[in-house]
Amino acid sequence: MTEIAVRIDSISVLGLSEDADEKAVQRAVQDALRKLAERLARSPLSRSGVKELALERLSLEAISADELLSERGAERLADELYSAILRRSL
């Protein structure tokens, strides 16, 4: 299995209330990215030998702030990112 390098220049989380827990949001996004990396390592991209994939911009609107901060929010975000990456690269 090959490794796929991922470099993300910026992540924006929109729609959070002013009293949202920034640390909790940061942890959820980090957890989602870890889960995404695990899925990419098992993906058709990895098996096909892709080592670098360039996506200029990937935008999701499917997850509300409340959902992101829920128990399964990071997993849901990882699912959405994974699906979007595969749609754009296969």
C-alpha atoms as a PDB file:
ATOM      1  CA  MET A   1       0.000   0.000   0.000  1.00  0.00           C
ATOM      2  CA  THR A   2       1.368   3.402  -0.944  1.00  0.00           C
ATOM      3  CA  GLU A   3       1.146   6.482   1.180  1.00  0.00           C
ATOM      4  CA  ILE A   4      -0.783   9.480  -0.053  1.00  0.00           C
ATOM      5  CA  ALA A   5       0.552  12.832   1.085  1.00  0.00           C
ATOM      6  CA  VAL A   6      -2.061  15.421   1.946  1.00  0.00           C
ATOM      7  CA  ARG A   7      -1.280  19.092   2.362  1.00  0.00           C
ATOM      8  CA  ILE A   8      -4.048  21.454   3.322  1.00  0.00           C
ATOM      9  CA  ASP A   9      -3.380  25.166   3.116  1.00  0.00           C
ATOM     10  CA  SER A  10      -6.466  26.302   4.968  1.00  0.00           C
ATOM     11  CA  ILE A  11      -9.723  25.096   6.439  1.00  0.00           C
ATOM     12  CA  SER A  12     -12.678  27.365   7.069  1.00  0.00           C
ATOM     13  CA  VAL A  13     -15.588  26.380   9.267  1.00  0.00           C
ATOM     14  CA  LEU A  14     -18.503  28.687   8.596  1.00  0.00           C
ATOM     15  CA  GLY A  15     -21.748  29.185  10.429  1.00  0.00           C
ATOM     16  CA  LEU A  16     -20.548  28.838  14.011  1.00  0.00           C
ATOM     17  CA  SER A  17     -22.168  30.959  16.671  1.00  0.00           C
ATOM     18  CA  GLU A  18     -20.036  33.417  18.588  1.00  0.00           C
ATOM     19  CA  ASP A  19     -20.185  31.231  21.697  1.00  0.00           C
ATOM     20  CA  ALA A  20     -19.048  28.062  19.872  1.00  0.00           C
ATOM     21  CA  ASP A  21     -16.197  26.217  21.559  1.00  0.00           C
ATOM     22  CA  GLU A  22     -13.268  26.855  19.194  1.00  0.00           C
ATOM     23  CA  LYS A  23     -11.171  24.090  20.776  1.00  0.00           C
ATOM     24  CA  ALA A  24     -13.977  21.570  20.266  1.00  0.00           C
ATOM     25  CA  VAL A  25     -14.289  22.611  16.616  1.00  0.00           C
ATOM     26  CA  GLN A  26     -10.534  22.280  16.151  1.00  0.00           C
ATOM     27  CA  ARG A  27     -10.538  18.796  17.739  1.00  0.00           C
ATOM     28  CA  ALA A  28     -13.455  17.674  15.549  1.00  0.00           C
ATOM     29  CA  VAL A  29     -11.745  18.849  12.364  1.00  0.00           C
ATOM     30  CA  GLN A  30      -8.435  17.229  13.371  1.00  0.00           C
ATOM     31  CA  ASP A  31     -10.218  13.976  14.160  1.00  0.00           C
ATOM     32  CA  ALA A  32     -12.033  14.124  10.811  1.00  0.00           C
ATOM     33  CA  LEU A  33      -8.741  14.633   8.964  1.00  0.00           C
ATOM     34  CA  ARG A  34      -7.192  11.663  10.768  1.00  0.00           C
ATOM     35  CA  LYS A  35     -10.170   9.499   9.807  1.00  0.00           C
ATOM     36  CA  LEU A  36      -9.952  10.806   6.236  1.00  0.00           C
ATOM     37  CA  ALA A  37      -6.280   9.831   6.040  1.00  0.00           C
ATOM     38  CA  GLU A  38      -7.124   6.315   7.240  1.00  0.00           C
ATOM     39  CA  ARG A  39      -9.829   5.970   4.575  1.00  0.00           C
ATOM     40  CA  LEU A  40      -7.578   7.314   1.828  1.00  0.00           C
ATOM     41  CA  ALA A  41      -4.921   4.761   2.788  1.00  0.00           C
ATOM     42  CA  ARG A  42      -7.490   2.006   2.118  1.00  0.00           C
ATOM     43  CA  SER A  43      -8.993   3.660  -0.946  1.00  0.00           C
ATOM     44  CA  PRO A  44      -8.789   2.854  -4.651  1.00  0.00           C
ATOM     45  CA  LEU A  45      -6.479   5.866  -4.956  1.00  0.00           C
ATOM     46  CA  SER A  46      -3.898   4.263  -2.706  1.00  0.00           C
ATOM     47  CA  ARG A  47      -4.215   0.881  -4.388  1.00  0.00           C
ATOM     48  CA  SER A  48      -3.753   2.459  -7.818  1.00  0.00           C
ATOM     49  CA  GLY A  49      -0.446   4.007  -6.796  1.00  0.00           C
ATOM     50  CA  VAL A  50      -1.530   7.652  -6.576  1.00  0.00           C
ATOM     51  CA  LYS A  51       0.967   9.483  -4.405  1.00  0.00           C
ATOM     52  CA  GLU A  52      -0.127  13.036  -5.005  1.00  0.00           C
ATOM     53  CA  LEU A  53      -3.530  14.477  -5.705  1.00  0.00           C
ATOM     54  CA  ALA A  54      -4.075  18.183  -6.244  1.00  0.00           C
ATOM     55  CA  LEU A  55      -7.474  19.678  -5.515  1.00  0.00           C
ATOM     56  CA  GLU A  56      -7.443  23.436  -5.573  1.00  0.00           C
ATOM     57  CA  ARG A  57     -10.598  23.819  -3.547  1.00  0.00           C
ATOM     58  CA  LEU A  58     -12.948  21.428  -1.845  1.00  0.00           C
ATOM     59  CA  SER A  59     -16.061  22.866  -0.293  1.00  0.00           C
ATOM     60  CA  LEU A  60     -18.746  21.113   1.735  1.00  0.00           C
ATOM     61  CA  GLU A  61     -22.039  22.517   2.912  1.00  0.00           C
ATOM     62  CA  ALA A  62     -23.600  19.290   4.129  1.00  0.00           C
ATOM     63  CA  ILE A  63     -22.697  19.478   7.801  1.00  0.00           C
ATOM     64  CA  SER A  64     -24.129  21.958  10.256  1.00  0.00           C
ATOM     65  CA  ALA A  65     -22.027  23.339  13.085  1.00  0.00           C
ATOM     66  CA  ASP A  66     -24.144  21.453  15.619  1.00  0.00           C
ATOM     67  CA  GLU A  67     -23.623  18.221  13.722  1.00  0.00           C
ATOM     68  CA  LEU A  68     -19.854  18.782  13.479  1.00  0.00           C
ATOM     69  CA  LEU A  69     -19.697  19.113  17.253  1.00  0.00           C
ATOM     70  CA  SER A  70     -21.894  16.066  17.865  1.00  0.00           C
ATOM     71  CA  GLU A  71     -20.572  12.653  18.875  1.00  0.00           C
ATOM     72  CA  ARG A  72     -20.245  11.431  15.279  1.00  0.00           C
ATOM     73  CA  GLY A  73     -19.473  14.820  13.727  1.00  0.00           C
ATOM     74  CA  ALA A  74     -15.835  14.088  12.865  1.00  0.00           C
ATOM     75  CA  GLU A  75     -16.785  10.797  11.255  1.00  0.00           C
ATOM     76  CA  ARG A  76     -19.509  12.478   9.222  1.00  0.00           C
ATOM     77  CA  LEU A  77     -17.090  15.179   8.054  1.00  0.00           C
ATOM     78  CA  ALA A  78     -14.506  12.544   7.107  1.00  0.00           C
ATOM     79  CA  ASP A  79     -17.176  10.677   5.126  1.00  0.00           C
ATOM     80  CA  GLU A  80     -18.171  13.823   3.246  1.00  0.00           C
ATOM     81  CA  LEU A  81     -14.551  14.760   2.487  1.00  0.00           C
ATOM     82  CA  TYR A  82     -13.703  11.250   1.341  1.00  0.00           C
ATOM     83  CA  SER A  83     -16.727  11.123  -0.975  1.00  0.00           C
ATOM     84  CA  ALA A  84     -15.929  14.535  -2.436  1.00  0.00           C
ATOM     85  CA  ILE A  85     -12.283  13.616  -3.048  1.00  0.00           C
ATOM     86  CA  LEU A  86     -13.180  10.351  -4.762  1.00  0.00           C
ATOM     87  CA  ARG A  87     -15.813  12.055  -6.943  1.00  0.00           C
ATOM     88  CA  ARG A  88     -13.287  14.608  -8.134  1.00  0.00           C
ATOM     89  CA  SER A  89     -10.377  12.248  -8.675  1.00  0.00           C
ATOM     90  CA  LEU A  90     -11.783   9.035 -10.173  1.00  0.00           C
END
